[in-house]
């Protein structure tokens, strides 16, 4: 299976390379053609002027009809080339890159070269040295000028120059005199020189245009990449922030401003490493600038901001081309909804929905952690249920029963000392955990008795349920213990046994656990 995948990947890369190469070649050719057409006007006008001067120089010695016919043909061809250039400038840039424009230009250049070559052949008179000199100078000048303007495409310059120079060379060689042969040889050297120059100019122009096309393509890619990043930057569901090597915020997107609840002016220019900056954020920024990455999670609040925002942020350092740390970027995620959801889940997991007291799970975890802690303290554990609660629930209704449980929970909370906990286990069963620094058995007994009496008095006061007052009393069982070495399950059993004993003795009782209660309970089960 891996082989087809790698073959397909290679084929895709090859196809992509071919497409990019074709586009580059087409752009390069288009730039050369545009250069040819852009440089066409002035040389054509100069060639018409040179032809006019040549006609004037040869007017006394050459047939006027021949001169005017040649000059008219040259003007006709030059006008056609100017018209072609005008049409080229009027079409779109994509249309200008078609091959037909290069072919049309080359046909015009070759036709112009042939007309000049016709002049070399027809206007030559070896017996008139002044005529020959004028003709040679003009033809050499036109050839040199063509080389400078047509070398963007080398074969086009050849198509223009060779039809001009070869007939002139042929005329000198056919004349047969030593002087004409010498001039012909010199023209051969001149032709070789301008052709070599044309080739060198063609390479230089090719390299320059290629570099320009490459730079334009890279600039286009860079702009495309920047536009793509800017789009991601602005539309990102996360907050994005840029900062420099000093930890100063240089840019941010709108999402970050929304997360932090601040205006752009409050954030841009803010130094996250300043003396009044958040220490945890400053550490994350320093880690990013020194080690490459940093992380922050917490409730972040900017100076002078009204409130903080729960968030987490990933900081990453940014290096220059020379691998020097120049700043960094941070991705910021809003944790507000997550924190709210976590709080709701935690509340549902650890608190009673009716009374808002801690539930059985939270109470047992607290008792387990207390017994596992190595500390010298004492405490008491209370088990309590309400006398006649089922009767009240049945006669007054469940709404009244719920109201009673809520009022009991509030009274229990009011009895707590700092660090104590009250919880609802189920139904009308409540528990209470209290700690003290008292260590002697007598002092612990006295403290526990006073605490339990205060709880009993608070719970036993009349309750207002709907339109009537109801007296409800608690049955309470409790056990005293030392934190060091306690067993949470045994403590719960002891407090439960003490409450059972209180029930057995009648209503509104409170009993402290004694070992004989376990023995009586085991006998009762037998």
Protein backbone atom coordinates (compact mmCIF):
# COMPACT_ATOMS: atom_id res chain seq x y z
CA UNK A 1 0.00 0.00 0.00
CA UNK A 2 2.72 2.62 0.70
CA UNK A 3 4.10 2.34 -2.87
CA UNK A 4 1.01 3.76 -4.68
CA UNK A 5 0.88 6.62 -2.21
CA UNK A 6 4.54 7.61 -2.75
CA UNK A 7 4.12 7.29 -6.54
CA UNK A 8 1.03 9.49 -6.46
CA UNK A 9 2.83 12.02 -4.28
CA UNK A 10 5.82 12.14 -6.63
CA UNK A 11 3.48 12.52 -9.60
CA UNK A 12 1.67 15.37 -7.89
CA UNK A 13 4.92 17.14 -7.07
CA UNK A 14 6.15 16.64 -10.64
CA UNK A 15 2.91 18.04 -12.04
CA UNK A 16 3.08 21.02 -9.71
CA UNK A 17 6.70 21.70 -10.69
CA UNK A 18 5.81 21.51 -14.38
CA UNK A 19 2.93 23.94 -13.92
CA UNK A 20 5.08 26.40 -12.00
CA UNK A 21 7.88 26.06 -14.60
CA UNK A 22 5.43 26.66 -17.45
CA UNK A 23 4.07 29.76 -15.71
CA UNK A 24 7.60 31.08 -15.12
CA UNK A 25 8.63 30.50 -18.76
CA UNK A 26 5.46 32.15 -20.01
CA UNK A 27 5.99 35.18 -17.75
CA UNK A 28 9.62 35.47 -18.86
CA UNK A 29 8.66 35.34 -22.53
CA UNK A 30 5.90 37.87 -21.96
CA UNK A 31 8.32 40.32 -20.33
CA UNK A 32 10.72 40.00 -23.27
CA UNK A 33 7.95 40.62 -25.80
CA UNK A 34 6.72 43.62 -23.82
CA UNK A 35 10.27 45.01 -23.80
CA UNK A 36 10.49 44.62 -27.58
CA UNK A 37 7.24 46.48 -28.18
CA UNK A 38 7.98 49.16 -25.59
CA UNK A 39 11.32 49.94 -27.32
CA UNK A 40 9.92 49.95 -30.87
CA UNK A 41 8.74 53.53 -31.43
CA UNK A 42 11.97 55.51 -31.19
CA UNK A 43 14.12 53.12 -33.28
CA UNK A 44 11.55 53.08 -36.09
CA UNK A 45 11.37 56.86 -36.20
CA UNK A 46 15.19 57.03 -36.12
CA UNK A 47 15.42 54.49 -38.98
CA UNK A 48 12.98 56.53 -41.12
CA UNK A 49 15.06 59.63 -40.46
CA UNK A 50 18.27 57.74 -41.37
CA UNK A 51 16.61 56.45 -44.56
CA UNK A 52 15.54 59.99 -45.45
CA UNK A 53 19.09 61.28 -44.99
CA UNK A 54 20.44 58.38 -47.05
CA UNK A 55 17.99 59.15 -49.85
CA UNK A 56 19.07 62.79 -49.75
CA UNK A 57 22.77 61.79 -49.90
CA UNK A 58 22.19 59.45 -52.85
CA UNK A 59 19.70 61.66 -54.68
CA UNK A 60 22.20 63.07 -57.22
CA UNK A 61 23.62 59.69 -58.24
CA UNK A 62 20.77 57.15 -57.97
CA UNK A 63 17.51 56.90 -59.85
CA UNK A 64 14.86 58.94 -58.10
CA UNK A 65 12.22 56.30 -58.71
CA UNK A 66 14.37 53.63 -57.12
CA UNK A 67 15.10 55.85 -54.09
CA UNK A 68 11.47 56.89 -53.57
CA UNK A 69 10.22 53.33 -54.09
CA UNK A 70 12.64 51.95 -51.50
CA UNK A 71 11.92 54.79 -49.07
CA UNK A 72 8.15 54.33 -49.49
CA UNK A 73 8.42 50.58 -48.89
CA UNK A 74 10.43 51.21 -45.73
CA UNK A 75 7.88 53.75 -44.48
CA UNK A 76 5.07 51.27 -45.22
CA UNK A 77 6.74 48.46 -43.26
CA UNK A 78 7.63 50.85 -40.42
CA UNK A 79 4.03 52.09 -40.25
CA UNK A 80 2.75 48.51 -40.07
CA UNK A 81 5.14 47.81 -37.19
CA UNK A 82 4.02 50.94 -35.34
CA UNK A 83 0.40 49.92 -35.84
CA UNK A 84 1.20 46.48 -34.46
CA UNK A 85 2.82 48.09 -31.40
CA UNK A 86 -0.26 50.27 -30.90
CA UNK A 87 -2.54 47.22 -30.98
CA UNK A 88 -0.24 45.42 -28.55
CA UNK A 89 -0.47 48.26 -26.03
CA UNK A 90 -4.27 48.17 -26.18
CA UNK A 91 -4.79 44.53 -25.23
CA UNK A 92 -4.77 43.07 -21.70
CA UNK A 93 -1.61 41.85 -19.97
CA UNK A 94 -2.72 38.21 -20.18
CA UNK A 95 -3.41 38.58 -23.91
CA UNK A 96 0.03 40.13 -24.42
CA UNK A 97 1.69 36.89 -23.25
CA UNK A 98 0.39 34.90 -26.23
CA UNK A 99 2.99 33.64 -28.66
CA UNK A 100 1.33 35.31 -31.68
CA UNK A 101 2.60 38.72 -30.57
CA UNK A 102 6.21 37.52 -30.66
CA UNK A 103 5.66 35.93 -34.06
CA UNK A 104 4.08 39.11 -35.44
CA UNK A 105 6.93 41.21 -34.08
CA UNK A 106 9.56 38.89 -35.58
CA UNK A 107 7.83 39.02 -38.98
CA UNK A 108 7.87 42.83 -38.84
CA UNK A 109 11.55 42.94 -37.77
CA UNK A 110 12.62 40.51 -40.50
CA UNK A 111 10.58 42.42 -43.09
CA UNK A 112 12.25 45.68 -42.02
CA UNK A 113 15.68 44.00 -42.23
CA UNK A 114 14.88 42.74 -45.73
CA UNK A 115 13.83 46.22 -46.88
CA UNK A 116 17.11 47.64 -45.58
CA UNK A 117 18.95 44.75 -47.21
CA UNK A 118 17.18 45.55 -50.47
CA UNK A 119 18.55 49.07 -50.16
CA UNK A 120 22.05 47.63 -49.60
CA UNK A 121 21.77 45.67 -52.82
CA UNK A 122 19.91 48.10 -55.07
CA UNK A 123 21.54 51.37 -53.98
CA UNK A 124 25.14 50.12 -54.06
CA UNK A 125 27.47 51.64 -56.67
CA UNK A 126 31.08 50.63 -56.20
CA UNK A 127 32.36 53.35 -58.49
CA UNK A 128 30.94 56.11 -56.29
CA UNK A 129 33.06 55.96 -53.16
CA UNK A 130 31.07 58.64 -51.36
CA UNK A 131 27.83 56.81 -52.11
CA UNK A 132 29.30 53.52 -50.85
CA UNK A 133 30.62 55.17 -47.69
CA UNK A 134 27.24 56.75 -46.91
CA UNK A 135 25.43 53.49 -47.58
CA UNK A 136 27.87 51.48 -45.43
CA UNK A 137 27.69 53.94 -42.53
CA UNK A 138 23.88 53.99 -42.51
CA UNK A 139 23.58 50.21 -42.81
CA UNK A 140 26.14 49.67 -40.03
CA UNK A 141 24.38 52.19 -37.82
CA UNK A 142 20.96 50.62 -38.42
CA UNK A 143 22.41 47.18 -37.66
CA UNK A 144 24.06 48.38 -34.45
CA UNK A 145 20.87 50.13 -33.40
CA UNK A 146 18.84 46.98 -34.07
CA UNK A 147 21.21 44.98 -31.91
CA UNK A 148 20.65 47.27 -28.92
CA UNK A 149 16.84 47.25 -29.22
CA UNK A 150 16.13 43.69 -30.37
CA UNK A 151 18.56 41.62 -28.30
CA UNK A 152 15.86 40.71 -25.76
CA UNK A 153 15.09 37.87 -28.21
CA UNK A 154 18.37 36.99 -29.89
CA UNK A 155 17.00 35.30 -33.00
CA UNK A 156 14.83 38.34 -33.73
CA UNK A 157 17.96 40.54 -33.75
CA UNK A 158 19.60 38.04 -36.13
CA UNK A 159 16.53 38.13 -38.36
CA UNK A 160 16.86 41.91 -38.56
CA UNK A 161 20.64 42.33 -38.90
CA UNK A 162 21.60 39.51 -41.27
CA UNK A 163 19.25 40.61 -44.13
CA UNK A 164 20.83 44.07 -43.88
CA UNK A 165 24.51 43.16 -43.76
CA UNK A 166 24.72 40.09 -45.99
CA UNK A 167 23.61 41.86 -49.23
CA UNK A 168 26.07 44.67 -48.55
CA UNK A 169 28.88 42.15 -47.99
CA UNK A 170 27.90 40.34 -51.15
CA UNK A 171 28.09 43.58 -53.13
CA UNK A 172 31.59 44.33 -51.85
CA UNK A 173 32.80 40.83 -52.67
CA UNK A 174 31.20 40.91 -56.13
CA UNK A 175 32.85 44.27 -56.92
CA UNK A 176 36.17 42.48 -56.72
CA UNK A 177 38.58 45.35 -56.07
CA UNK A 178 41.13 45.13 -53.33
CA UNK A 179 39.54 48.07 -51.53
CA UNK A 180 36.08 46.54 -51.67
CA UNK A 181 37.45 43.20 -50.46
CA UNK A 182 39.16 44.98 -47.55
CA UNK A 183 35.98 46.84 -46.65
CA UNK A 184 34.05 43.58 -46.91
CA UNK A 185 36.48 41.89 -44.53
CA UNK A 186 36.07 44.75 -42.09
CA UNK A 187 32.29 44.42 -42.36
CA UNK A 188 32.60 40.73 -41.60
CA UNK A 189 34.52 41.59 -38.43
CA UNK A 190 31.93 44.25 -37.61
CA UNK A 191 29.11 41.76 -38.15
CA UNK A 192 30.80 39.20 -35.92
CA UNK A 193 31.33 41.83 -33.23
CA UNK A 194 27.73 43.01 -33.20
CA UNK A 195 26.43 39.44 -33.23
CA UNK A 196 28.63 38.59 -30.23
CA UNK A 197 27.47 41.76 -28.57
CA UNK A 198 23.87 40.84 -29.33
CA UNK A 199 24.36 37.42 -27.75
CA UNK A 200 25.88 38.94 -24.61
CA UNK A 201 23.13 41.57 -24.39
CA UNK A 202 20.52 38.85 -24.84
CA UNK A 203 21.92 36.92 -21.87
CA UNK A 204 22.11 40.03 -19.72
CA UNK A 205 18.55 41.00 -20.59
CA UNK A 206 17.38 37.43 -20.00
CA UNK A 207 19.02 37.31 -16.58
CA UNK A 208 17.65 40.73 -15.59
CA UNK A 209 14.13 39.88 -16.71
CA UNK A 210 14.35 36.45 -15.09
CA UNK A 211 15.46 38.05 -11.83
CA UNK A 212 12.66 40.60 -12.04
CA UNK A 213 10.05 37.93 -12.80
CA UNK A 214 11.40 35.80 -9.96
CA UNK A 215 11.33 38.72 -7.55
CA UNK A 216 7.81 39.64 -8.67
CA UNK A 217 6.69 36.04 -8.16
CA UNK A 218 8.30 35.93 -4.73
CA UNK A 219 6.76 39.25 -3.81
CA UNK A 220 3.37 37.97 -4.96
CA UNK A 221 3.84 34.82 -2.89
CA UNK A 222 4.95 36.92 0.06
CA UNK A 223 1.92 39.18 -0.28
CA UNK A 224 -0.33 36.14 -0.63
CA UNK A 225 1.26 34.56 2.45
CA UNK A 226 0.93 37.81 4.37
CA UNK A 227 -2.70 38.18 3.31
CA UNK A 228 -3.37 34.59 4.31
CA UNK A 229 -1.71 35.10 7.69
CA UNK A 230 -3.54 38.39 8.21
CA UNK A 231 -6.82 36.66 7.43
CA UNK A 232 -6.02 33.88 9.90
CA UNK A 233 -4.79 36.49 12.39
CA UNK A 234 -8.02 38.49 12.21
CA UNK A 235 -10.47 35.58 11.91
CA UNK A 236 -8.82 33.23 14.41
CA UNK A 237 -11.13 31.86 17.16
CA UNK A 238 -8.14 32.32 19.49
CA UNK A 239 -6.60 35.55 20.66
CA UNK A 240 -3.28 36.27 18.93
CA UNK A 241 -0.69 38.70 20.22
CA UNK A 242 2.76 39.81 18.99
CA UNK A 243 5.40 41.17 21.34
CA UNK A 244 8.99 42.35 20.94
CA UNK A 245 12.18 41.25 22.67
CA UNK A 246 11.38 43.51 25.65
CA UNK A 247 7.98 41.88 26.16
CA UNK A 248 6.05 44.90 24.83
CA UNK A 249 2.82 44.12 22.94
CA UNK A 250 3.15 45.33 19.33
CA UNK A 251 0.00 43.90 17.74
CA UNK A 252 -3.09 41.83 18.54
CA UNK A 253 -6.27 40.67 16.87
CA UNK A 254 -9.82 41.60 17.74
CA UNK A 255 -10.51 38.26 19.44
CA UNK A 256 -7.86 38.96 22.09
CA UNK A 257 -9.41 42.35 22.83
CA UNK A 258 -12.77 40.59 23.16
CA UNK A 259 -11.32 37.98 25.52
CA UNK A 260 -9.64 40.55 27.77
CA UNK A 261 -12.50 43.04 27.51
CA UNK A 262 -10.19 46.00 26.81
CA UNK A 263 -9.67 48.58 24.08
CA UNK A 264 -6.80 48.28 21.62
CA UNK A 265 -5.07 51.32 23.06
CA UNK A 266 -4.93 49.66 26.50
CA UNK A 267 -3.04 46.65 25.17
CA UNK A 268 -0.73 47.94 22.40
CA UNK A 269 2.46 49.19 24.00
CA UNK A 270 1.83 47.37 27.30
CA UNK A 271 4.99 45.73 28.67
CA UNK A 272 4.36 42.26 30.05
CA UNK A 273 7.74 42.34 31.82
CA UNK A 274 7.09 45.63 33.68
CA UNK A 275 7.21 45.94 37.45
CA UNK A 276 3.39 46.01 37.72
CA UNK A 277 2.85 43.12 35.29
CA UNK A 278 1.45 39.73 36.29
CA UNK A 279 4.35 37.63 37.60
CA UNK A 280 3.14 34.37 36.09
CA UNK A 281 2.66 35.98 32.67
CA UNK A 282 6.06 37.65 32.92
CA UNK A 283 7.62 34.25 33.61
CA UNK A 284 5.91 32.73 30.56
CA UNK A 285 7.14 35.60 28.37
CA UNK A 286 10.69 35.24 29.70
CA UNK A 287 10.60 31.49 29.05
CA UNK A 288 9.51 32.15 25.46
CA UNK A 289 12.28 34.72 24.89
CA UNK A 290 14.97 32.55 26.51
CA UNK A 291 13.91 28.97 25.78
CA UNK A 292 11.52 29.35 22.86
CA UNK A 293 8.25 28.42 24.62
CA UNK A 294 6.25 29.56 27.63
CA UNK A 295 2.86 28.72 29.13
CA UNK A 296 0.38 30.55 31.34
CA UNK A 297 -2.95 29.49 32.79
CA UNK A 298 -5.00 31.46 35.28
CA UNK A 299 -7.26 34.46 35.73
CA UNK A 300 -5.45 37.31 34.03
CA UNK A 301 -6.21 40.95 34.73
CA UNK A 302 -4.55 43.92 33.08
CA UNK A 303 -3.71 46.91 35.29
CA UNK A 304 -6.73 49.21 35.64
CA UNK A 305 -9.01 46.55 34.11
CA UNK A 306 -12.35 46.06 35.86
CA UNK A 307 -12.08 42.28 36.21
CA UNK A 308 -9.89 39.35 35.26
CA UNK A 309 -10.45 36.71 32.59
CA UNK A 310 -9.81 32.97 33.01
CA UNK A 311 -7.51 32.02 30.15
CA UNK A 312 -4.50 30.04 29.06
CA UNK A 313 -1.79 31.25 26.72
CA UNK A 314 0.97 29.58 24.72
CA UNK A 315 4.00 31.84 24.17
CA UNK A 316 6.53 31.15 21.40
CA UNK A 317 9.72 33.03 20.60
CA UNK A 318 10.38 34.38 17.09
CA UNK A 319 13.89 34.43 15.59
CA UNK A 320 15.31 36.57 12.82
CA UNK A 321 17.12 35.13 9.79
CA UNK A 322 20.35 35.37 11.80
CA UNK A 323 18.75 33.31 14.61
CA UNK A 324 18.54 36.30 16.94
CA UNK A 325 15.50 36.40 19.22
CA UNK A 326 13.44 39.39 18.08
CA UNK A 327 10.20 38.83 19.97
CA UNK A 328 7.38 36.34 20.11
CA UNK A 329 3.77 35.46 19.49
CA UNK A 330 1.12 34.24 21.92
CA UNK A 331 -2.02 32.20 21.31
CA UNK A 332 -4.63 32.96 23.97
CA UNK A 333 -7.68 30.81 24.73
CA UNK A 334 -10.63 32.07 26.76
CA UNK A 335 -11.38 29.73 29.68
CA UNK A 336 -14.42 31.62 30.97
CA UNK A 337 -17.00 29.15 29.70
CA UNK A 338 -14.80 26.21 30.59
CA UNK A 339 -14.30 27.50 34.14
CA UNK A 340 -18.03 28.14 34.45
CA UNK A 341 -18.78 24.64 33.20
CA UNK A 342 -16.18 23.15 35.53
CA UNK A 343 -17.68 25.07 38.43
CA UNK A 344 -21.16 23.77 37.57
CA UNK A 345 -19.88 20.20 37.28
CA UNK A 346 -17.98 20.53 40.53
CA UNK A 347 -21.06 21.96 42.24
CA UNK A 348 -23.21 19.13 40.99
CA UNK A 349 -20.64 16.54 42.04
CA UNK A 350 -19.86 17.87 45.53
CA UNK A 351 -22.88 19.86 46.75
CA UNK A 352 -26.44 18.98 47.61
CA UNK A 353 -28.84 20.52 45.09
CA UNK A 354 -31.55 21.33 47.67
CA UNK A 355 -29.68 22.68 50.68
CA UNK A 356 -26.45 23.81 48.93
CA UNK A 357 -24.49 22.01 51.65
CA UNK A 358 -21.61 19.69 50.78
CA UNK A 359 -22.90 16.21 49.86
CA UNK A 360 -21.85 12.76 51.02
CA UNK A 361 -19.02 12.51 48.48
CA UNK A 362 -17.38 15.78 49.47
CA UNK A 363 -17.80 15.10 53.18
CA UNK A 364 -16.22 11.64 52.99
CA UNK A 365 -13.31 12.93 50.91
CA UNK A 366 -12.75 15.68 53.46
CA UNK A 367 -12.84 13.14 56.33
CA UNK A 368 -10.46 10.80 54.48
CA UNK A 369 -7.95 13.59 53.81
CA UNK A 370 -8.20 14.66 57.46
CA UNK A 371 -7.44 11.18 58.74
CA UNK A 372 -4.53 10.81 56.31
CA UNK A 373 -2.99 14.10 57.47
CA UNK A 374 -0.26 14.04 60.05
CA UNK A 375 -1.41 16.68 62.52
CA UNK A 376 -2.00 16.92 66.24
CA UNK A 377 -5.62 17.98 66.62
CA UNK A 378 -8.88 16.63 67.94
CA UNK A 379 -12.41 16.83 66.71
CA UNK A 380 -15.93 15.50 66.73
CA UNK A 381 -18.15 13.91 64.11
CA UNK A 382 -21.91 14.41 64.39
CA UNK A 383 -24.69 12.32 62.83
CA UNK A 384 -28.15 13.84 63.01
CA UNK A 385 -31.62 13.24 61.65
CA UNK A 386 -34.92 15.02 62.32
CA UNK A 387 -37.61 13.57 64.57
CA UNK A 388 -41.05 13.22 62.95
CA UNK A 389 -39.75 14.46 59.56
CA UNK A 390 -41.75 11.83 57.62
CA UNK A 391 -44.93 12.91 59.39
CA UNK A 392 -44.32 16.56 58.51
CA UNK A 393 -43.49 15.65 54.92
CA UNK A 394 -46.66 13.58 54.56
CA UNK A 395 -49.07 16.01 56.23
CA UNK A 396 -47.73 19.39 55.04
CA UNK A 397 -46.41 18.23 51.67
CA UNK A 398 -43.02 17.76 50.07
CA UNK A 399 -42.58 21.50 49.47
CA UNK A 400 -42.85 22.11 53.20
CA UNK A 401 -40.48 19.20 53.85
CA UNK A 402 -37.92 20.69 51.45
CA UNK A 403 -38.29 24.10 53.09
CA UNK A 404 -37.65 22.50 56.47
CA UNK A 405 -34.47 20.83 55.24
CA UNK A 406 -33.23 24.12 53.82
CA UNK A 407 -33.84 25.93 57.12
CA UNK A 408 -32.06 23.16 59.04
CA UNK A 409 -29.08 23.47 56.72
CA UNK A 410 -28.88 27.22 57.29
CA UNK A 411 -28.96 26.75 61.06
CA UNK A 412 -26.25 24.12 60.89
CA UNK A 413 -24.05 26.46 58.86
CA UNK A 414 -24.61 29.21 61.40
CA UNK A 415 -23.25 26.93 64.14
CA UNK A 416 -20.01 26.14 62.35
CA UNK A 417 -16.66 27.46 63.48
CA UNK A 418 -13.96 28.39 60.91
CA UNK A 419 -12.69 25.22 59.22
CA UNK A 420 -15.70 23.09 60.21
CA UNK A 421 -18.02 21.40 57.72
CA UNK A 422 -21.68 20.42 57.68
CA UNK A 423 -23.15 18.17 54.97
CA UNK A 424 -26.40 16.50 53.99
CA UNK A 425 -26.04 12.76 53.48
CA UNK A 426 -29.54 11.89 52.31
CA UNK A 427 -33.16 12.59 53.22
CA UNK A 428 -33.18 14.24 56.66
CA UNK A 429 -29.71 12.96 57.64
CA UNK A 430 -27.03 15.56 58.28
CA UNK A 431 -23.43 15.30 59.46
CA UNK A 432 -21.06 17.80 60.99
CA UNK A 433 -17.27 17.72 61.32
CA UNK A 434 -15.56 20.08 63.76
CA UNK A 435 -11.92 20.42 64.86
CA UNK A 436 -10.21 21.84 67.93
CA UNK A 437 -6.70 22.27 69.30
CA UNK A 438 -7.82 20.72 72.61
CA UNK A 439 -5.80 17.58 73.36
CA UNK A 440 -6.74 16.36 76.88
CA UNK A 441 -9.75 13.99 77.09
CA UNK A 442 -11.51 16.13 79.72
CA UNK A 443 -11.15 19.36 77.76
CA UNK A 444 -12.21 17.59 74.53
CA UNK A 445 -15.32 16.19 76.25
CA UNK A 446 -16.26 19.58 77.63
CA UNK A 447 -15.72 21.31 74.25
CA UNK A 448 -17.73 18.67 72.37
CA UNK A 449 -20.63 18.81 74.84
CA UNK A 450 -20.84 22.59 74.55
CA UNK A 451 -20.67 22.44 70.75
CA UNK A 452 -23.39 19.78 70.53
CA UNK A 453 -25.65 21.62 72.94
CA UNK A 454 -25.37 24.78 70.83
CA UNK A 455 -26.23 22.79 67.68
CA UNK A 456 -29.15 21.07 69.39
CA UNK A 457 -30.60 24.35 70.67
CA UNK A 458 -30.27 25.97 67.22
CA UNK A 459 -31.96 23.06 65.43
CA UNK A 460 -34.72 22.69 68.04
CA UNK A 461 -36.08 26.23 67.70
CA UNK A 462 -39.53 26.46 66.02
CA UNK A 463 -39.73 26.57 62.19
CA UNK A 464 -42.10 28.62 60.09
CA UNK A 465 -43.45 26.40 57.31
CA UNK A 466 -45.94 28.06 55.02
CA UNK A 467 -48.63 29.50 57.34
CA UNK A 468 -47.89 27.61 60.53
CA UNK A 469 -45.15 27.17 63.08
CA UNK A 470 -43.74 23.68 63.57
CA UNK A 471 -41.55 22.33 66.35
CA UNK A 472 -38.90 19.92 65.08
CA UNK A 473 -36.26 18.26 67.24
CA UNK A 474 -33.06 16.47 66.17
CA UNK A 475 -31.69 13.10 67.23
CA UNK A 476 -27.92 13.53 67.45
CA UNK A 477 -25.09 11.07 67.84
CA UNK A 478 -21.46 12.12 67.90
CA UNK A 479 -18.01 10.75 68.54
CA UNK A 480 -14.79 12.45 69.60
CA UNK A 481 -11.47 11.53 68.05
CA UNK A 482 -7.82 12.43 67.63
CA UNK A 483 -6.86 13.25 64.05
CA UNK A 484 -3.56 11.43 64.20
CA UNK A 485 -4.21 7.77 63.39
CA UNK A 486 -8.02 8.02 62.98
CA UNK A 487 -10.03 5.81 60.59
CA UNK A 488 -12.71 7.68 58.69
CA UNK A 489 -14.95 4.64 58.16
CA UNK A 490 -14.82 3.77 61.85
CA UNK A 491 -15.66 7.34 62.83
CA UNK A 492 -18.75 7.27 60.62
CA UNK A 493 -19.85 3.98 62.15
CA UNK A 494 -19.35 5.31 65.68
CA UNK A 495 -21.34 8.48 65.04
CA UNK A 496 -24.09 6.43 63.35
CA UNK A 497 -24.28 4.06 66.33
CA UNK A 498 -24.47 7.00 68.72
CA UNK A 499 -27.38 8.50 66.74
CA UNK A 500 -29.14 5.12 66.73
CA UNK A 501 -28.82 5.05 70.51
CA UNK A 502 -30.28 8.55 70.73
CA UNK A 503 -33.25 7.38 68.68
CA UNK A 504 -33.72 4.45 71.02
CA UNK A 505 -33.81 6.75 74.03
CA UNK A 506 -36.56 8.98 72.59
CA UNK A 507 -36.83 12.27 70.72
CA UNK A 508 -34.63 15.33 71.08
CA UNK A 509 -31.68 13.34 72.42
CA UNK A 510 -27.99 13.61 71.84
CA UNK A 511 -25.59 10.80 72.63
CA UNK A 512 -21.85 10.51 72.61
CA UNK A 513 -20.39 7.27 71.29
CA UNK A 514 -19.17 4.67 73.79
CA UNK A 515 -17.67 1.26 72.93
CA UNK A 516 -20.56 -0.61 74.56
CA UNK A 517 -22.88 0.74 71.83
CA UNK A 518 -21.06 -1.37 69.21
CA UNK A 519 -21.44 -4.45 71.42
CA UNK A 520 -25.18 -3.81 71.82
CA UNK A 521 -25.58 -3.34 68.09
CA UNK A 522 -23.80 -6.62 67.35
CA UNK A 523 -26.01 -8.44 69.88
CA UNK A 524 -29.12 -6.97 68.30
CA UNK A 525 -28.04 -8.26 64.86
CA UNK A 526 -27.55 -11.76 66.29
